[in-house]
């Protein structure tokens, strides 16, 4: 069969141009991914950890597990909606490689919708089984909880396939030739031949555990004020080993990814100025969070401490998103130059997007604030003092 040049499979340059300047599009791609990563990490690794603690944890560990599983339907709703932003801007800025890559794995990619629907319904059913303060799942809901955890991990693996294939252009011809029928792509492939896939997947999965650990502290300090002091002490104590385990995985698999299998162009971009600043910060920032959790171990978590540690973790995720973008841009540079696109500002959709984006974040902030105030009001009532609403 005739040899196919990977560049021949890259989509042609669109005639419409970008609706906004590349810096604007990249800013919201990175910002959107950072915001999406917070709830996404909680379902990605959190449901699995919650089910492990349901099976093997003590009383207080199961209490945290039940709290997270009850919160999960809302967390999923936030995460799915926030995930629209980075996906939208990826489709705008990287459409020439995003669409060919996802066409090559079309059926696994489309299966994300079905998997997510099943996981969402399952999470609701599991949460319903823990209503009324129950801390132990029973019967079929135990199996449902494990299934939800497996579905979210499977979704993450398909996403890792899609976004790693987006930059793995050298394998596109082989995948196309292996799966095509009369020249038409069947869409049943996966990016299994990419050496970066597994370490990249495991690195992000490990990072998700650090977010789950921070959620333990934030929840105890801001949302669990009606829980006992014993619980809030145990939450801080449990968070540290979970974070350290996630941090260890992030270090091991991140080192494997960067120094073992990452393309030289991406590694050079991360180790040269100014990329090295973000690479080093990305590597060290989770350690600072671990130190903060160490100082909180065994003590009831205050509201201020919970919010401060959560803010630190958002910074960790933001630095990771920036480093991820630097590596991605460097790897795609031989095939894709987003600055070459003409820019034709479309002011009306841009203004509408900004208004809705800010309004959406405002609604989320208001909902979180109401949850915090309700928790503190319940604490005040349990102490015999008037609550605040």
Protein backbone atom coordinates (compact mmCIF):
# COMPACT_ATOMS: atom_id res chain seq x y z
CA UNK A 1 0.00 0.00 0.00
CA UNK A 2 1.21 3.48 -0.80
CA UNK A 3 2.91 5.33 2.06
CA UNK A 4 0.78 8.09 3.57
CA UNK A 5 2.30 11.29 4.89
CA UNK A 6 0.81 12.23 8.33
CA UNK A 7 0.50 15.82 7.12
CA UNK A 8 -1.91 14.61 4.42
CA UNK A 9 -4.34 13.57 7.18
CA UNK A 10 -4.28 16.96 8.91
CA UNK A 11 -7.43 18.95 8.16
CA UNK A 12 -7.07 21.80 5.71
CA UNK A 13 -6.87 25.38 6.90
CA UNK A 14 -10.35 26.80 7.41
CA UNK A 15 -11.41 29.81 5.40
CA UNK A 16 -13.37 31.41 8.22
CA UNK A 17 -10.39 32.10 10.47
CA UNK A 18 -10.41 32.29 14.24
CA UNK A 19 -13.29 34.12 15.92
CA UNK A 20 -10.80 35.71 18.37
CA UNK A 21 -7.07 36.22 18.79
CA UNK A 22 -5.04 33.06 19.50
CA UNK A 23 -3.98 34.36 22.94
CA UNK A 24 -7.65 34.75 23.92
CA UNK A 25 -8.53 31.25 22.73
CA UNK A 26 -5.53 29.64 24.44
CA UNK A 27 -6.22 31.53 27.67
CA UNK A 28 -9.71 30.09 27.95
CA UNK A 29 -8.55 26.65 26.83
CA UNK A 30 -6.11 26.53 29.76
CA UNK A 31 -8.40 28.31 32.24
CA UNK A 32 -11.33 26.13 31.28
CA UNK A 33 -9.31 22.95 31.71
CA UNK A 34 -8.11 24.10 35.15
CA UNK A 35 -11.65 24.75 36.35
CA UNK A 36 -12.90 21.49 34.83
CA UNK A 37 -10.08 19.51 36.44
CA UNK A 38 -11.29 20.26 39.98
CA UNK A 39 -14.62 18.37 39.84
CA UNK A 40 -13.30 15.97 37.18
CA UNK A 41 -10.57 14.75 39.54
CA UNK A 42 -13.16 14.12 42.23
CA UNK A 43 -15.11 11.68 40.10
CA UNK A 44 -12.04 10.32 38.30
CA UNK A 45 -10.27 9.08 41.44
CA UNK A 46 -12.73 10.03 44.19
CA UNK A 47 -15.42 7.45 43.48
CA UNK A 48 -12.82 4.66 43.41
CA UNK A 49 -11.35 5.81 46.73
CA UNK A 50 -14.82 6.18 48.24
CA UNK A 51 -15.68 2.60 47.30
CA UNK A 52 -12.36 1.32 48.69
CA UNK A 53 -13.10 3.07 51.97
CA UNK A 54 -16.64 1.70 51.95
CA UNK A 55 -15.14 -1.78 51.79
CA UNK A 56 -12.07 -1.43 53.98
CA UNK A 57 -12.25 1.87 55.87
CA UNK A 58 -13.15 2.60 59.46
CA UNK A 59 -16.19 4.51 60.67
CA UNK A 60 -14.87 8.00 59.93
CA UNK A 61 -13.41 6.97 56.58
CA UNK A 62 -16.80 5.55 55.56
CA UNK A 63 -18.42 8.78 56.70
CA UNK A 64 -16.20 10.77 54.33
CA UNK A 65 -16.93 8.23 51.59
CA UNK A 66 -20.67 8.67 52.09
CA UNK A 67 -20.36 12.46 52.09
CA UNK A 68 -18.48 12.42 48.76
CA UNK A 69 -20.89 9.96 47.15
CA UNK A 70 -23.86 12.10 48.24
CA UNK A 71 -22.18 15.15 46.70
CA UNK A 72 -21.24 13.33 43.49
CA UNK A 73 -24.34 14.15 41.37
CA UNK A 74 -23.72 17.88 41.90
CA UNK A 75 -19.97 17.48 41.34
CA UNK A 76 -20.63 15.68 38.04
CA UNK A 77 -23.02 18.42 36.92
CA UNK A 78 -20.42 21.12 37.65
CA UNK A 79 -17.64 19.14 35.98
CA UNK A 80 -19.54 18.32 32.80
CA UNK A 81 -20.60 21.92 32.29
CA UNK A 82 -17.13 23.28 33.01
CA UNK A 83 -15.69 20.67 30.65
CA UNK A 84 -17.53 22.26 27.73
CA UNK A 85 -15.18 25.26 27.87
CA UNK A 86 -11.81 23.54 27.22
CA UNK A 87 -13.39 21.14 24.73
CA UNK A 88 -14.96 24.04 22.83
CA UNK A 89 -11.70 26.00 22.64
CA UNK A 90 -9.72 22.87 21.68
CA UNK A 91 -12.11 22.39 18.77
CA UNK A 92 -11.59 26.00 17.74
CA UNK A 93 -7.81 26.24 18.11
CA UNK A 94 -6.81 22.67 17.19
CA UNK A 95 -9.59 21.62 14.85
CA UNK A 96 -7.07 20.54 12.20
CA UNK A 97 -5.74 17.76 14.46
CA UNK A 98 -8.60 17.27 16.93
CA UNK A 99 -11.16 16.12 14.38
CA UNK A 100 -8.88 13.70 12.45
CA UNK A 101 -7.69 12.15 15.73
CA UNK A 102 -11.19 11.64 17.11
CA UNK A 103 -12.44 10.32 13.76
CA UNK A 104 -9.76 7.61 13.90
CA UNK A 105 -11.13 6.51 17.31
CA UNK A 106 -14.71 7.55 16.56
CA UNK A 107 -16.57 4.70 18.28
CA UNK A 108 -14.62 4.77 21.56
CA UNK A 109 -14.84 8.58 21.48
CA UNK A 110 -18.59 8.59 20.97
CA UNK A 111 -18.99 5.92 23.64
CA UNK A 112 -18.03 8.57 26.20
CA UNK A 113 -21.59 9.91 25.98
CA UNK A 114 -23.15 6.52 26.80
CA UNK A 115 -20.60 5.81 29.54
CA UNK A 116 -21.18 9.22 31.12
CA UNK A 117 -24.97 8.83 31.11
CA UNK A 118 -24.67 5.44 32.82
CA UNK A 119 -22.19 6.80 35.35
CA UNK A 120 -24.40 9.83 36.07
CA UNK A 121 -27.52 7.76 36.68
CA UNK A 122 -25.49 5.31 38.75
CA UNK A 123 -24.09 8.12 40.89
CA UNK A 124 -27.62 9.38 41.58
CA UNK A 125 -28.77 5.90 42.59
CA UNK A 126 -25.79 5.42 44.87
CA UNK A 127 -26.33 8.85 46.46
CA UNK A 128 -30.01 8.03 47.03
CA UNK A 129 -28.96 4.96 49.00
CA UNK A 130 -27.05 7.17 51.43
CA UNK A 131 -29.85 9.61 52.19
CA UNK A 132 -30.77 10.33 55.78
CA UNK A 133 -27.21 10.22 57.05
CA UNK A 134 -26.46 6.61 56.08
CA UNK A 135 -22.74 5.92 55.77
CA UNK A 136 -22.77 2.34 54.46
CA UNK A 137 -23.88 1.26 51.00
CA UNK A 138 -25.92 -1.92 50.90
CA UNK A 139 -27.06 -4.49 48.39
CA UNK A 140 -26.95 -3.73 44.69
CA UNK A 141 -25.81 -0.16 45.35
CA UNK A 142 -22.38 -1.49 46.33
CA UNK A 143 -22.03 -3.04 42.88
CA UNK A 144 -23.37 0.17 41.33
CA UNK A 145 -20.72 2.21 43.14
CA UNK A 146 -17.91 0.04 41.78
CA UNK A 147 -19.45 0.24 38.32
CA UNK A 148 -19.60 4.04 38.48
CA UNK A 149 -15.92 4.14 39.51
CA UNK A 150 -14.98 1.85 36.59
CA UNK A 151 -17.02 3.91 34.12
CA UNK A 152 -15.32 7.16 35.10
CA UNK A 153 -11.87 5.58 34.82
CA UNK A 154 -12.82 4.20 31.39
CA UNK A 155 -13.98 7.66 30.30
CA UNK A 156 -10.66 9.10 31.45
CA UNK A 157 -8.76 6.45 29.50
CA UNK A 158 -10.67 7.23 26.29
CA UNK A 159 -9.99 10.95 26.76
CA UNK A 160 -6.30 10.17 27.29
CA UNK A 161 -6.37 8.20 24.03
CA UNK A 162 -8.02 11.03 22.12
CA UNK A 163 -5.79 13.83 23.32
CA UNK A 164 -2.57 11.82 23.07
CA UNK A 165 -3.50 10.77 19.52
CA UNK A 166 -4.12 14.43 18.69
CA UNK A 167 -0.35 14.99 18.92
CA UNK A 168 0.78 11.52 17.82
CA UNK A 169 0.53 12.31 14.11
CA UNK A 170 3.26 9.86 13.09
CA UNK A 171 0.92 6.95 13.96
CA UNK A 172 -2.07 8.29 12.06
CA UNK A 173 -1.20 6.61 8.72
CA UNK A 174 -0.69 3.20 10.35
CA UNK A 175 -3.96 3.48 12.28
CA UNK A 176 -5.81 4.56 9.16
CA UNK A 177 -4.35 1.74 7.06
CA UNK A 178 -5.12 -0.82 9.77
CA UNK A 179 -8.75 0.20 10.26
CA UNK A 180 -9.88 1.56 6.88
CA UNK A 181 -12.26 -0.23 4.55
CA UNK A 182 -12.05 0.91 0.92
CA UNK A 183 -10.39 4.08 2.17
CA UNK A 184 -13.08 4.88 4.74
CA UNK A 185 -12.11 4.97 8.42
CA UNK A 186 -14.09 2.54 10.57
CA UNK A 187 -13.31 4.45 13.79
CA UNK A 188 -12.60 1.39 15.93
CA UNK A 189 -8.95 2.16 16.73
CA UNK A 190 -7.30 3.25 19.97
CA UNK A 191 -3.97 5.01 20.43
CA UNK A 192 -2.52 1.86 22.01
CA UNK A 193 0.78 2.05 20.15
CA UNK A 194 1.72 5.43 21.63
CA UNK A 195 4.40 4.98 24.33
CA UNK A 196 3.25 8.19 26.05
CA UNK A 197 -0.32 6.97 26.59
CA UNK A 198 0.09 4.84 29.72
CA UNK A 199 2.45 7.10 31.72
CA UNK A 200 0.41 10.15 30.75
CA UNK A 201 -2.83 8.47 31.84
CA UNK A 202 -1.33 7.27 35.13
CA UNK A 203 0.27 10.65 35.83
CA UNK A 204 -3.06 12.48 35.56
CA UNK A 205 -4.83 9.71 37.48
CA UNK A 206 -2.30 10.10 40.31
CA UNK A 207 -2.73 13.87 40.30
CA UNK A 208 -6.48 13.32 40.71
CA UNK A 209 -5.85 11.62 44.07
CA UNK A 210 -4.13 14.75 45.36
CA UNK A 211 -7.26 16.75 44.51
CA UNK A 212 -9.41 14.19 46.30
CA UNK A 213 -7.18 14.56 49.39
CA UNK A 214 -7.60 18.34 49.30
CA UNK A 215 -11.36 17.89 48.97
CA UNK A 216 -11.32 15.94 52.24
CA UNK A 217 -9.86 18.96 54.00
CA UNK A 218 -12.02 21.53 52.21
CA UNK A 219 -15.17 19.52 52.91
CA UNK A 220 -14.27 19.12 56.57
CA UNK A 221 -13.49 22.80 56.99
CA UNK A 222 -16.22 24.40 54.89
CA UNK A 223 -19.08 21.95 54.35
CA UNK A 224 -19.03 19.51 57.26
CA UNK A 225 -19.49 21.89 60.18
CA UNK A 226 -22.38 19.80 61.51
CA UNK A 227 -20.11 16.76 61.72
CA UNK A 228 -18.31 15.92 64.94
CA UNK A 229 -14.89 17.24 65.85
CA UNK A 230 -13.65 13.66 65.69
CA UNK A 231 -14.70 13.44 62.04
CA UNK A 232 -13.05 16.73 61.12
CA UNK A 233 -9.83 15.60 62.80
CA UNK A 234 -9.91 12.24 61.03
CA UNK A 235 -10.56 13.88 57.65
CA UNK A 236 -7.32 15.86 57.95
CA UNK A 237 -5.49 12.75 59.14
CA UNK A 238 -6.81 10.67 56.22
CA UNK A 239 -6.06 13.36 53.63
CA UNK A 240 -2.29 13.25 54.15
CA UNK A 241 -1.62 9.60 53.14
CA UNK A 242 -4.03 9.89 50.21
CA UNK A 243 -2.20 12.99 49.00
CA UNK A 244 1.23 11.45 49.52
CA UNK A 245 0.21 8.35 47.55
CA UNK A 246 -1.09 10.53 44.71
CA UNK A 247 2.04 12.70 44.86
CA UNK A 248 4.29 9.63 44.67
CA UNK A 249 2.41 8.36 41.61
CA UNK A 250 2.54 11.82 40.01
CA UNK A 251 6.32 11.93 40.55
CA UNK A 252 7.00 8.39 39.28
CA UNK A 253 4.70 8.43 36.26
CA UNK A 254 5.50 12.06 35.49
CA UNK A 255 9.22 11.24 35.43
CA UNK A 256 8.52 8.24 33.20
CA UNK A 257 6.48 10.45 30.88
CA UNK A 258 8.84 13.44 30.69
CA UNK A 259 12.25 11.77 30.79
CA UNK A 260 11.36 8.42 29.28
CA UNK A 261 8.83 8.72 26.45
CA UNK A 262 7.99 12.40 25.88
CA UNK A 263 8.98 13.58 22.38
CA UNK A 264 12.20 15.56 22.36
CA UNK A 265 10.49 18.70 21.04
CA UNK A 266 8.12 18.80 24.01
CA UNK A 267 10.82 17.98 26.56
CA UNK A 268 13.10 20.68 25.15
CA UNK A 269 10.29 23.23 25.37
CA UNK A 270 9.64 22.34 29.03
CA UNK A 271 13.33 22.42 29.97
CA UNK A 272 14.12 25.69 28.20
CA UNK A 273 13.18 29.18 29.38
CA UNK A 274 10.39 30.14 30.03
CA UNK A 275 8.86 26.64 29.95
CA UNK A 276 11.21 25.40 32.66
CA UNK A 277 9.68 27.87 35.13
CA UNK A 278 6.27 26.26 34.71
CA UNK A 279 7.70 22.72 34.58
CA UNK A 280 9.59 23.16 37.86
CA UNK A 281 6.61 24.89 39.47
CA UNK A 282 4.33 22.07 38.33
CA UNK A 283 6.68 19.53 39.90
CA UNK A 284 7.15 21.36 43.22
CA UNK A 285 3.69 22.84 43.85
CA UNK A 286 2.02 19.55 44.92
CA UNK A 287 4.76 19.18 47.53
CA UNK A 288 3.75 22.52 49.05
CA UNK A 289 0.19 21.22 49.36
CA UNK A 290 1.51 18.08 51.07
CA UNK A 291 3.37 20.26 53.60
CA UNK A 292 0.16 22.20 54.28
CA UNK A 293 -1.75 18.95 54.84
CA UNK A 294 1.01 17.74 57.16
CA UNK A 295 0.56 20.81 59.36
CA UNK A 296 -3.21 20.13 59.57
CA UNK A 297 -3.04 16.42 60.42
CA UNK A 298 -4.95 15.35 63.51
CA UNK A 299 -6.59 18.75 64.07
CA UNK A 300 -10.15 19.87 63.32
CA UNK A 301 -9.96 21.75 60.04
CA UNK A 302 -11.00 25.40 60.20
CA UNK A 303 -12.90 27.13 57.42
CA UNK A 304 -9.91 29.29 56.51
CA UNK A 305 -7.54 26.33 56.36
CA UNK A 306 -9.90 24.35 54.12
CA UNK A 307 -10.31 27.24 51.68
CA UNK A 308 -6.57 28.01 51.66
CA UNK A 309 -5.57 24.42 50.84
CA UNK A 310 -8.26 24.26 48.14
CA UNK A 311 -6.90 27.46 46.56
CA UNK A 312 -3.40 25.96 46.58
CA UNK A 313 -4.67 22.88 44.74
CA UNK A 314 -6.38 25.00 42.09
CA UNK A 315 -3.00 26.67 41.52
CA UNK A 316 -1.40 23.21 41.20
CA UNK A 317 -3.94 22.24 38.55
CA UNK A 318 -3.46 25.54 36.75
CA UNK A 319 0.32 25.10 36.58
CA UNK A 320 -0.18 21.57 35.29
CA UNK A 321 -2.54 22.86 32.59
CA UNK A 322 0.01 25.47 31.47
CA UNK A 323 2.85 22.93 31.32
CA UNK A 324 0.57 20.55 29.46
CA UNK A 325 -0.18 23.25 26.91
CA UNK A 326 3.50 24.11 26.42
CA UNK A 327 4.32 20.45 25.73
CA UNK A 328 1.34 20.05 23.39
CA UNK A 329 2.15 23.18 21.38
CA UNK A 330 5.80 22.17 20.99
CA UNK A 331 4.91 18.68 19.78
CA UNK A 332 2.41 20.03 17.26
CA UNK A 333 4.65 22.86 16.03
CA UNK A 334 5.93 20.95 12.94
CA UNK A 335 2.35 20.28 11.83
CA UNK A 336 0.23 23.11 13.21
CA UNK A 337 0.79 26.83 13.66
CA UNK A 338 -2.25 28.38 15.27
CA UNK A 339 -0.83 31.88 14.71
CA UNK A 340 -1.06 31.29 10.94
CA UNK A 341 -4.85 31.38 11.04
CA UNK A 342 -6.47 34.66 10.05
CA UNK A 343 -8.35 36.33 12.89
CA UNK A 344 -11.83 37.67 12.21
CA UNK A 345 -13.22 38.79 15.53
CA UNK A 346 -16.80 37.69 16.04
CA UNK A 347 -17.72 40.10 18.77
CA UNK A 348 -21.32 39.10 19.42
CA UNK A 349 -20.62 35.40 20.25
CA UNK A 350 -17.47 36.36 22.16
CA UNK A 351 -19.33 38.88 24.31
CA UNK A 352 -22.17 36.40 24.84
CA UNK A 353 -19.69 33.70 25.85
CA UNK A 354 -17.94 35.98 28.34
CA UNK A 355 -21.23 37.09 29.89
CA UNK A 356 -22.48 33.50 30.25
CA UNK A 357 -19.08 32.27 31.46
CA UNK A 358 -18.90 34.87 34.22
CA UNK A 359 -22.57 34.31 35.08
CA UNK A 360 -22.04 30.55 35.25
CA UNK A 361 -19.06 30.92 37.57
CA UNK A 362 -21.13 33.32 39.66
CA UNK A 363 -23.92 30.76 40.00
CA UNK A 364 -21.43 28.07 41.04
CA UNK A 365 -19.84 30.43 43.57
CA UNK A 366 -23.29 31.31 44.94
CA UNK A 367 -24.24 27.63 45.27
CA UNK A 368 -20.99 26.81 47.09
CA UNK A 369 -21.47 29.84 49.35
CA UNK A 370 -25.02 28.74 50.20
CA UNK A 371 -23.75 25.25 51.04
CA UNK A 372 -21.06 26.72 53.29
CA UNK A 373 -23.51 29.06 55.05
CA UNK A 374 -25.99 26.23 55.53
CA UNK A 375 -23.26 24.06 57.05
CA UNK A 376 -22.22 26.83 59.44
CA UNK A 377 -25.84 27.55 60.35
CA UNK A 378 -26.37 23.89 61.23
CA UNK A 379 -23.24 23.98 63.36
CA UNK A 380 -24.53 27.04 65.20
CA UNK A 381 -27.90 25.38 65.80
CA UNK A 382 -26.26 22.21 67.10
CA UNK A 383 -24.27 24.38 69.53
CA UNK A 384 -27.43 26.08 70.71
CA UNK A 385 -26.70 29.46 69.11
CA UNK A 386 -28.72 31.14 66.37
CA UNK A 387 -27.65 30.14 62.83
CA UNK A 388 -26.93 32.39 59.94
CA UNK A 389 -28.76 31.90 56.66
